[in-house]
């Protein structure tokens, strides 16, 4: 398995969240698959005015971005784009993402969930597949403001099975 960074969430007050991806792949029928990051999932740069309720930012696999109340965007987020290469041609694939560690820093938490995965049902004639991944992050809504200069790190696993 290979660890690669797939996402960066940057809040204006220097609150940063890194989402690291552990890419899972297997060797099947003599093909050595790999996963590369074309464009990391990026929640952009925003400020959080208040943390008095749960607020979220959602990035769809189509690239659309929406932010709940109390988020003020400085730069918009982007969908994550990943490329599977080296697989057997025209084979079915399944794709899943799981969270191994949520984003926690300075006693505060951001939850990443609701993964939106857009992947083809099969690899193409060259054994490749482009996978778009969106997700949602949520504040905890506990009334305590997020502290600047804090790093939020989440670990996730992207698994692509070539059947």
N, C-alpha and C. Protein backbone atom coordinates (compact mmCIF):
# COMPACT_ATOMS: atom_id res chain seq x y z
N UNK A 1 0.83 -1.17 0.00
CA UNK A 1 0.00 0.00 0.00
C UNK A 1 0.88 1.24 0.00
N UNK A 2 0.37 2.30 -0.63
CA UNK A 2 1.11 3.53 -0.79
C UNK A 2 0.33 4.67 -0.17
N UNK A 3 0.97 5.53 0.62
CA UNK A 3 0.31 6.70 1.19
C UNK A 3 0.54 7.89 0.28
N UNK A 4 -0.55 8.57 -0.09
CA UNK A 4 -0.44 9.81 -0.85
C UNK A 4 -1.43 10.81 -0.28
N UNK A 5 -1.12 12.08 -0.39
CA UNK A 5 -2.03 13.12 0.10
C UNK A 5 -3.10 13.36 -0.94
N UNK A 6 -4.37 13.32 -0.53
CA UNK A 6 -5.42 13.56 -1.50
C UNK A 6 -6.18 14.85 -1.24
N UNK A 7 -6.02 15.47 -0.11
CA UNK A 7 -6.88 16.61 0.15
C UNK A 7 -6.24 17.57 1.13
N UNK A 8 -6.53 18.83 0.92
CA UNK A 8 -6.10 19.85 1.85
C UNK A 8 -7.27 20.78 2.10
N UNK A 9 -7.62 20.98 3.34
CA UNK A 9 -8.64 21.95 3.74
C UNK A 9 -7.91 23.08 4.42
N UNK A 10 -8.05 24.28 3.91
CA UNK A 10 -7.34 25.42 4.48
C UNK A 10 -8.35 26.45 4.97
N UNK A 11 -8.41 26.67 6.25
CA UNK A 11 -9.24 27.75 6.78
C UNK A 11 -8.40 29.01 6.84
N UNK A 12 -9.06 30.13 6.67
CA UNK A 12 -8.38 31.41 6.62
C UNK A 12 -7.52 31.67 7.85
N UNK A 13 -7.93 31.18 9.01
CA UNK A 13 -7.18 31.42 10.24
C UNK A 13 -6.07 30.40 10.43
N UNK A 14 -5.53 29.92 9.35
CA UNK A 14 -4.42 28.98 9.35
C UNK A 14 -4.77 27.67 10.01
N UNK A 15 -6.05 27.33 10.06
CA UNK A 15 -6.46 26.00 10.48
C UNK A 15 -6.37 25.13 9.24
N UNK A 16 -5.58 24.09 9.30
CA UNK A 16 -5.34 23.28 8.12
C UNK A 16 -5.74 21.84 8.40
N UNK A 17 -6.36 21.22 7.43
CA UNK A 17 -6.69 19.80 7.55
C UNK A 17 -6.10 19.07 6.36
N UNK A 18 -5.36 18.02 6.65
CA UNK A 18 -4.79 17.19 5.60
C UNK A 18 -5.51 15.86 5.61
N UNK A 19 -5.91 15.41 4.46
CA UNK A 19 -6.52 14.10 4.36
C UNK A 19 -5.55 13.23 3.58
N UNK A 20 -5.00 12.24 4.24
CA UNK A 20 -4.05 11.35 3.58
C UNK A 20 -4.77 10.10 3.11
N UNK A 21 -4.36 9.63 1.99
CA UNK A 21 -5.00 8.47 1.37
C UNK A 21 -4.04 7.31 1.35
N UNK A 22 -4.49 6.17 1.79
CA UNK A 22 -3.73 4.95 1.62
C UNK A 22 -4.38 4.23 0.45
N UNK A 23 -3.66 4.11 -0.64
CA UNK A 23 -4.22 3.51 -1.85
C UNK A 23 -4.01 2.01 -1.80
N UNK A 24 -5.10 1.26 -1.88
CA UNK A 24 -5.00 -0.19 -1.87
C UNK A 24 -5.16 -0.73 -3.28
N UNK A 25 -4.30 -1.64 -3.65
CA UNK A 25 -4.42 -2.26 -4.97
C UNK A 25 -3.88 -3.68 -4.88
N UNK A 26 -4.21 -4.47 -5.88
CA UNK A 26 -3.77 -5.86 -5.86
C UNK A 26 -3.16 -6.21 -7.21
N UNK A 27 -2.44 -7.30 -7.24
CA UNK A 27 -1.89 -7.80 -8.50
C UNK A 27 -2.78 -8.95 -8.93
N UNK A 28 -3.31 -8.83 -10.13
CA UNK A 28 -4.23 -9.84 -10.62
C UNK A 28 -3.81 -10.21 -12.04
N UNK A 29 -3.69 -11.49 -12.30
CA UNK A 29 -3.37 -12.00 -13.63
C UNK A 29 -2.08 -11.38 -14.17
N UNK A 30 -1.11 -11.12 -13.31
CA UNK A 30 0.17 -10.60 -13.75
C UNK A 30 0.20 -9.10 -14.00
N UNK A 31 -0.89 -8.38 -13.73
CA UNK A 31 -0.94 -6.93 -13.93
C UNK A 31 -0.65 -6.24 -12.60
N UNK A 32 0.28 -5.30 -12.61
CA UNK A 32 0.64 -4.55 -11.40
C UNK A 32 -0.06 -3.20 -11.45
N UNK A 33 -1.15 -3.09 -10.74
CA UNK A 33 -1.92 -1.86 -10.73
C UNK A 33 -1.29 -0.81 -9.83
N UNK A 34 -1.55 0.44 -10.15
CA UNK A 34 -1.16 1.53 -9.26
C UNK A 34 -2.23 2.61 -9.34
N UNK A 35 -2.24 3.47 -8.32
CA UNK A 35 -3.18 4.58 -8.27
C UNK A 35 -2.38 5.85 -8.14
N UNK A 36 -2.65 6.80 -9.01
CA UNK A 36 -1.96 8.10 -8.91
C UNK A 36 -2.98 9.20 -8.70
N UNK A 37 -2.56 10.25 -8.02
CA UNK A 37 -3.40 11.42 -7.80
C UNK A 37 -3.24 12.35 -8.99
N UNK A 38 -4.34 12.58 -9.70
CA UNK A 38 -4.34 13.56 -10.79
C UNK A 38 -4.61 14.94 -10.21
N UNK A 39 -5.61 15.03 -9.34
CA UNK A 39 -5.98 16.27 -8.64
C UNK A 39 -6.45 15.87 -7.24
N UNK A 40 -5.82 16.35 -6.19
CA UNK A 40 -6.25 15.95 -4.85
C UNK A 40 -7.59 16.57 -4.47
N UNK A 41 -8.36 15.83 -3.70
CA UNK A 41 -9.60 16.37 -3.13
C UNK A 41 -9.20 17.54 -2.25
N UNK A 42 -9.78 18.71 -2.51
CA UNK A 42 -9.35 19.94 -1.84
C UNK A 42 -10.60 20.71 -1.41
N UNK A 43 -10.75 20.92 -0.12
CA UNK A 43 -11.92 21.64 0.39
C UNK A 43 -11.77 23.15 0.33
N UNK A 44 -10.68 23.63 -0.26
CA UNK A 44 -10.51 25.06 -0.46
C UNK A 44 -10.11 25.80 0.79
N UNK A 45 -10.29 27.10 0.75
CA UNK A 45 -9.93 27.97 1.87
C UNK A 45 -11.18 28.70 2.32
N UNK A 46 -11.47 28.63 3.60
CA UNK A 46 -12.69 29.25 4.12
C UNK A 46 -12.47 29.71 5.55
N UNK A 47 -13.35 30.57 6.01
CA UNK A 47 -13.38 30.94 7.42
C UNK A 47 -14.65 30.34 8.03
N UNK A 48 -14.57 30.01 9.29
CA UNK A 48 -15.74 29.53 10.03
C UNK A 48 -16.11 30.64 11.01
N UNK A 49 -17.26 31.28 10.78
CA UNK A 49 -17.65 32.41 11.64
C UNK A 49 -18.04 31.96 13.04
N UNK A 50 -18.85 30.91 13.12
CA UNK A 50 -19.32 30.40 14.42
C UNK A 50 -19.35 28.88 14.35
N UNK A 51 -19.26 28.26 15.51
CA UNK A 51 -19.36 26.80 15.61
C UNK A 51 -20.50 26.44 16.55
N UNK A 52 -21.62 27.16 16.42
CA UNK A 52 -22.76 26.97 17.32
C UNK A 52 -23.71 25.87 16.88
N UNK A 53 -23.48 25.30 15.70
CA UNK A 53 -24.26 24.19 15.17
C UNK A 53 -23.35 23.45 14.20
N UNK A 54 -23.81 22.31 13.70
CA UNK A 54 -23.02 21.55 12.73
C UNK A 54 -23.20 22.20 11.36
N UNK A 55 -22.09 22.59 10.75
CA UNK A 55 -22.08 23.18 9.41
C UNK A 55 -21.19 22.32 8.53
N UNK A 56 -21.49 22.31 7.23
CA UNK A 56 -20.71 21.43 6.37
C UNK A 56 -20.31 22.08 5.06
N UNK A 57 -19.30 21.49 4.46
CA UNK A 57 -18.88 21.78 3.09
C UNK A 57 -18.99 20.46 2.34
N UNK A 58 -19.64 20.47 1.19
CA UNK A 58 -19.79 19.27 0.39
C UNK A 58 -19.22 19.50 -1.00
N UNK A 59 -18.41 18.56 -1.42
CA UNK A 59 -17.88 18.56 -2.79
C UNK A 59 -18.41 17.30 -3.45
N UNK A 60 -19.19 17.47 -4.51
CA UNK A 60 -19.75 16.33 -5.24
C UNK A 60 -18.71 15.78 -6.21
N UNK A 61 -18.87 14.53 -6.61
CA UNK A 61 -17.94 13.92 -7.57
C UNK A 61 -18.01 14.61 -8.92
N UNK A 62 -19.06 15.39 -9.16
CA UNK A 62 -19.19 16.16 -10.40
C UNK A 62 -18.40 17.47 -10.34
N UNK A 63 -17.93 17.83 -9.13
CA UNK A 63 -17.15 19.05 -8.96
C UNK A 63 -17.91 20.19 -8.32
N UNK A 64 -19.23 20.05 -8.16
CA UNK A 64 -19.97 21.14 -7.53
C UNK A 64 -19.63 21.22 -6.04
N UNK A 65 -19.57 22.45 -5.53
CA UNK A 65 -19.19 22.70 -4.14
C UNK A 65 -20.28 23.50 -3.47
N UNK A 66 -20.66 23.08 -2.26
CA UNK A 66 -21.62 23.86 -1.48
C UNK A 66 -21.11 23.97 -0.05
N UNK A 67 -21.32 25.14 0.54
CA UNK A 67 -20.90 25.38 1.92
C UNK A 67 -22.10 25.85 2.73
N UNK A 68 -22.22 25.30 3.95
CA UNK A 68 -23.31 25.68 4.82
C UNK A 68 -23.11 27.07 5.39
N UNK A 69 -24.12 27.51 6.13
CA UNK A 69 -24.05 28.80 6.81
C UNK A 69 -22.82 28.84 7.71
N UNK A 70 -22.27 29.99 7.88
CA UNK A 70 -21.11 30.25 8.72
C UNK A 70 -19.77 29.85 8.12
N UNK A 71 -19.76 29.38 6.87
CA UNK A 71 -18.52 29.22 6.11
C UNK A 71 -18.45 30.36 5.12
N UNK A 72 -17.36 31.08 5.10
CA UNK A 72 -17.12 32.11 4.09
C UNK A 72 -15.94 31.64 3.25
N UNK A 73 -16.21 31.38 1.97
CA UNK A 73 -15.16 30.86 1.09
C UNK A 73 -14.21 31.96 0.64
N UNK A 74 -12.92 31.66 0.67
CA UNK A 74 -11.88 32.50 0.08
C UNK A 74 -11.52 31.90 -1.28
N UNK A 75 -11.25 30.60 -1.31
CA UNK A 75 -11.06 29.86 -2.56
C UNK A 75 -11.91 28.61 -2.50
N UNK A 76 -12.51 28.25 -3.60
CA UNK A 76 -13.42 27.11 -3.65
C UNK A 76 -12.66 25.79 -3.66
N UNK A 77 -13.33 24.74 -3.21
CA UNK A 77 -12.74 23.40 -3.20
C UNK A 77 -12.83 22.73 -4.56
N UNK A 78 -12.17 21.58 -4.68
CA UNK A 78 -12.13 20.83 -5.93
C UNK A 78 -12.31 19.34 -5.66
N UNK A 79 -12.96 18.68 -6.60
CA UNK A 79 -13.14 17.23 -6.53
C UNK A 79 -11.79 16.54 -6.67
N UNK A 80 -11.64 15.39 -6.02
CA UNK A 80 -10.42 14.59 -6.17
C UNK A 80 -10.51 13.72 -7.40
N UNK A 81 -9.42 13.67 -8.16
CA UNK A 81 -9.38 12.84 -9.37
C UNK A 81 -8.18 11.90 -9.24
N UNK A 82 -8.44 10.60 -9.40
CA UNK A 82 -7.42 9.58 -9.24
C UNK A 82 -7.44 8.66 -10.45
N UNK A 83 -6.27 8.16 -10.82
CA UNK A 83 -6.16 7.31 -12.01
C UNK A 83 -5.60 5.95 -11.61
N UNK A 84 -6.36 4.91 -11.95
CA UNK A 84 -5.90 3.54 -11.82
C UNK A 84 -5.19 3.19 -13.13
N UNK A 85 -3.97 2.68 -13.04
CA UNK A 85 -3.23 2.26 -14.24
C UNK A 85 -2.68 0.85 -14.03
N UNK A 86 -2.32 0.22 -15.13
CA UNK A 86 -1.67 -1.08 -15.07
C UNK A 86 -2.58 -2.24 -14.79
N UNK A 87 -3.88 -2.05 -14.88
CA UNK A 87 -4.82 -3.14 -14.63
C UNK A 87 -5.12 -3.89 -15.93
N UNK A 88 -5.74 -5.02 -15.79
CA UNK A 88 -6.16 -5.77 -16.97
C UNK A 88 -7.21 -4.98 -17.73
N UNK A 89 -7.16 -5.00 -19.05
CA UNK A 89 -8.14 -4.24 -19.84
C UNK A 89 -9.56 -4.79 -19.70
N UNK A 90 -10.50 -3.85 -19.72
CA UNK A 90 -11.93 -4.15 -19.78
C UNK A 90 -12.41 -5.08 -18.66
N UNK A 91 -11.86 -4.89 -17.47
CA UNK A 91 -12.25 -5.70 -16.31
C UNK A 91 -13.13 -4.87 -15.38
N UNK A 92 -14.11 -5.50 -14.74
CA UNK A 92 -14.94 -4.78 -13.77
C UNK A 92 -14.11 -4.31 -12.58
N UNK A 93 -14.48 -3.15 -12.02
CA UNK A 93 -13.81 -2.65 -10.82
C UNK A 93 -14.85 -2.24 -9.79
N UNK A 94 -14.44 -2.30 -8.54
CA UNK A 94 -15.23 -1.73 -7.45
C UNK A 94 -14.32 -0.75 -6.72
N UNK A 95 -14.91 0.33 -6.23
CA UNK A 95 -14.15 1.38 -5.56
C UNK A 95 -14.82 1.70 -4.23
N UNK A 96 -14.02 1.82 -3.19
CA UNK A 96 -14.57 2.23 -1.89
C UNK A 96 -13.56 3.12 -1.17
N UNK A 97 -14.08 3.95 -0.27
CA UNK A 97 -13.25 4.81 0.57
C UNK A 97 -13.71 4.61 2.00
N UNK A 98 -12.75 4.41 2.89
CA UNK A 98 -13.08 4.30 4.31
C UNK A 98 -12.20 5.27 5.10
N UNK A 99 -12.71 5.72 6.22
CA UNK A 99 -11.96 6.65 7.07
C UNK A 99 -11.29 5.84 8.17
N UNK A 100 -9.97 5.98 8.25
CA UNK A 100 -9.21 5.29 9.29
C UNK A 100 -9.02 6.18 10.51
N UNK A 101 -8.95 7.49 10.30
CA UNK A 101 -8.79 8.46 11.40
C UNK A 101 -9.44 9.77 10.99
N UNK A 102 -10.37 10.27 11.82
CA UNK A 102 -11.02 11.55 11.55
C UNK A 102 -10.07 12.70 11.82
N UNK A 103 -10.46 13.91 11.40
CA UNK A 103 -9.65 15.11 11.58
C UNK A 103 -9.83 15.65 13.00
N UNK A 104 -8.76 15.60 13.81
CA UNK A 104 -8.80 16.09 15.19
C UNK A 104 -7.57 16.96 15.44
N UNK A 105 -7.78 18.12 16.04
CA UNK A 105 -6.67 18.99 16.41
C UNK A 105 -7.13 19.96 17.49
N UNK A 106 -6.26 20.23 18.44
CA UNK A 106 -6.52 21.20 19.51
C UNK A 106 -7.87 20.96 20.18
N UNK A 107 -8.25 19.69 20.34
CA UNK A 107 -9.49 19.35 21.00
C UNK A 107 -10.73 19.51 20.15
N UNK A 108 -10.58 19.92 18.92
CA UNK A 108 -11.70 20.08 18.00
C UNK A 108 -11.67 18.99 16.93
N UNK A 109 -12.83 18.73 16.36
CA UNK A 109 -12.92 17.69 15.35
C UNK A 109 -13.67 18.19 14.13
N UNK A 110 -13.22 17.75 12.97
CA UNK A 110 -13.95 17.87 11.71
C UNK A 110 -14.23 16.44 11.28
N UNK A 111 -15.44 16.18 10.86
CA UNK A 111 -15.80 14.83 10.41
C UNK A 111 -15.87 14.84 8.89
N UNK A 112 -15.18 13.89 8.26
CA UNK A 112 -15.28 13.71 6.82
C UNK A 112 -16.09 12.43 6.58
N UNK A 113 -17.11 12.54 5.73
CA UNK A 113 -17.99 11.40 5.46
C UNK A 113 -18.72 11.62 4.14
N UNK A 114 -19.73 10.83 3.90
CA UNK A 114 -20.57 10.92 2.69
C UNK A 114 -19.74 10.99 1.41
N UNK A 115 -18.87 10.02 1.23
CA UNK A 115 -18.05 9.99 0.02
C UNK A 115 -18.90 9.79 -1.21
N UNK A 116 -18.65 10.59 -2.21
CA UNK A 116 -19.38 10.54 -3.48
C UNK A 116 -18.38 10.07 -4.53
N UNK A 117 -18.51 8.82 -4.95
CA UNK A 117 -17.54 8.20 -5.85
C UNK A 117 -18.15 8.04 -7.24
N UNK A 118 -17.45 8.58 -8.23
CA UNK A 118 -17.85 8.40 -9.62
C UNK A 118 -16.73 7.65 -10.32
N UNK A 119 -16.98 6.38 -10.61
CA UNK A 119 -15.98 5.53 -11.26
C UNK A 119 -16.67 4.71 -12.34
N UNK A 120 -15.95 4.40 -13.41
CA UNK A 120 -16.54 3.57 -14.45
C UNK A 120 -16.73 2.15 -13.93
N UNK A 121 -17.63 1.37 -14.55
CA UNK A 121 -17.83 -0.01 -14.08
C UNK A 121 -16.67 -0.92 -14.47
N UNK A 122 -15.88 -0.52 -15.48
CA UNK A 122 -14.79 -1.35 -15.98
C UNK A 122 -13.57 -0.50 -16.27
N UNK A 123 -12.40 -1.14 -16.30
CA UNK A 123 -11.21 -0.46 -16.81
C UNK A 123 -11.39 -0.29 -18.32
N UNK A 124 -10.64 0.66 -18.89
CA UNK A 124 -10.74 0.87 -20.34
C UNK A 124 -9.83 -0.12 -21.07
N UNK A 125 -9.72 0.03 -22.39
CA UNK A 125 -8.95 -0.90 -23.22
C UNK A 125 -7.46 -0.90 -22.88
N UNK A 126 -6.96 0.16 -22.21
CA UNK A 126 -5.55 0.21 -21.81
C UNK A 126 -5.36 -0.17 -20.33
N UNK A 127 -6.43 -0.62 -19.67
CA UNK A 127 -6.33 -1.03 -18.26
C UNK A 127 -6.34 0.12 -17.28
N UNK A 128 -6.91 1.26 -17.69
CA UNK A 128 -6.97 2.44 -16.82
C UNK A 128 -8.40 2.77 -16.45
N UNK A 129 -8.55 3.55 -15.38
CA UNK A 129 -9.86 4.07 -14.97
C UNK A 129 -9.61 5.38 -14.24
N UNK A 130 -10.44 6.38 -14.55
CA UNK A 130 -10.41 7.66 -13.84
C UNK A 130 -11.51 7.62 -12.78
N UNK A 131 -11.15 7.97 -11.55
CA UNK A 131 -12.08 7.91 -10.42
C UNK A 131 -12.17 9.31 -9.82
N UNK A 132 -13.38 9.85 -9.75
CA UNK A 132 -13.63 11.16 -9.12
C UNK A 132 -14.21 10.91 -7.72
N UNK A 133 -13.67 11.62 -6.73
CA UNK A 133 -14.15 11.45 -5.36
C UNK A 133 -14.47 12.80 -4.75
N UNK A 134 -15.68 12.91 -4.25
CA UNK A 134 -16.11 14.05 -3.46
C UNK A 134 -16.42 13.58 -2.05
N UNK A 135 -16.68 14.49 -1.16
CA UNK A 135 -16.99 14.13 0.22
C UNK A 135 -17.61 15.33 0.93
N UNK A 136 -17.97 15.12 2.17
CA UNK A 136 -18.50 16.19 3.02
C UNK A 136 -17.63 16.27 4.27
N UNK A 137 -17.35 17.50 4.72
CA UNK A 137 -16.77 17.69 6.05
C UNK A 137 -17.76 18.49 6.87
N UNK A 138 -17.78 18.18 8.18
CA UNK A 138 -18.71 18.84 9.08
C UNK A 138 -17.98 19.34 10.31
N UNK A 139 -18.39 20.53 10.79
CA UNK A 139 -17.90 21.01 12.07
C UNK A 139 -18.59 20.20 13.16
N UNK A 140 -18.10 20.31 14.40
CA UNK A 140 -18.73 19.55 15.48
C UNK A 140 -19.88 20.30 16.15
N UNK A 141 -19.99 21.61 15.95
CA UNK A 141 -21.11 22.38 16.49
C UNK A 141 -21.15 22.46 18.00
N UNK A 142 -20.01 22.33 18.66
CA UNK A 142 -20.01 22.31 20.13
C UNK A 142 -19.93 23.70 20.77
N UNK A 143 -19.94 24.77 19.95
CA UNK A 143 -19.92 26.12 20.49
C UNK A 143 -18.54 26.70 20.69
N UNK A 144 -17.50 25.89 20.63
CA UNK A 144 -16.12 26.35 20.77
C UNK A 144 -15.55 26.65 19.39
N UNK A 145 -14.99 27.82 19.22
CA UNK A 145 -14.44 28.18 17.92
C UNK A 145 -13.22 27.34 17.58
N UNK A 146 -13.01 27.14 16.28
CA UNK A 146 -11.81 26.46 15.83
C UNK A 146 -10.62 27.39 16.00
N UNK A 147 -9.51 26.85 16.50
CA UNK A 147 -8.32 27.63 16.81
C UNK A 147 -7.45 27.74 15.57
N UNK A 148 -6.94 28.96 15.30
CA UNK A 148 -6.03 29.15 14.19
C UNK A 148 -4.72 28.41 14.41
N UNK A 149 -3.99 28.21 13.35
CA UNK A 149 -2.69 27.53 13.39
C UNK A 149 -2.78 26.10 13.92
N UNK A 150 -3.89 25.43 13.65
CA UNK A 150 -4.05 24.03 14.04
C UNK A 150 -4.07 23.18 12.78
N UNK A 151 -3.50 22.01 12.87
CA UNK A 151 -3.51 21.07 11.74
C UNK A 151 -4.49 19.96 12.02
N UNK A 152 -5.42 19.76 11.11
CA UNK A 152 -6.37 18.65 11.19
C UNK A 152 -5.93 17.62 10.16
N UNK A 153 -5.72 16.38 10.60
CA UNK A 153 -5.25 15.34 9.69
C UNK A 153 -6.21 14.16 9.77
N UNK A 154 -6.67 13.70 8.60
CA UNK A 154 -7.51 12.52 8.53
C UNK A 154 -6.81 11.50 7.65
N UNK A 155 -6.94 10.24 8.00
CA UNK A 155 -6.39 9.16 7.19
C UNK A 155 -7.54 8.36 6.60
N UNK A 156 -7.47 8.12 5.29
CA UNK A 156 -8.50 7.36 4.61
C UNK A 156 -7.85 6.31 3.73
N UNK A 157 -8.60 5.30 3.39
CA UNK A 157 -8.13 4.27 2.48
C UNK A 157 -9.02 4.23 1.25
N UNK A 158 -8.40 4.38 0.09
CA UNK A 158 -9.08 4.21 -1.20
C UNK A 158 -8.74 2.80 -1.67
N UNK A 159 -9.74 1.98 -1.87
CA UNK A 159 -9.51 0.61 -2.34
C UNK A 159 -10.17 0.44 -3.69
N UNK A 160 -9.38 0.00 -4.66
CA UNK A 160 -9.89 -0.31 -5.99
C UNK A 160 -9.64 -1.79 -6.22
N UNK A 161 -10.70 -2.54 -6.40
CA UNK A 161 -10.57 -3.97 -6.70
C UNK A 161 -10.85 -4.20 -8.18
N UNK A 162 -9.92 -4.84 -8.84
CA UNK A 162 -10.11 -5.24 -10.24
C UNK A 162 -10.58 -6.68 -10.20
N UNK A 163 -11.78 -6.91 -10.69
CA UNK A 163 -12.39 -8.25 -10.58
C UNK A 163 -12.10 -9.12 -11.78
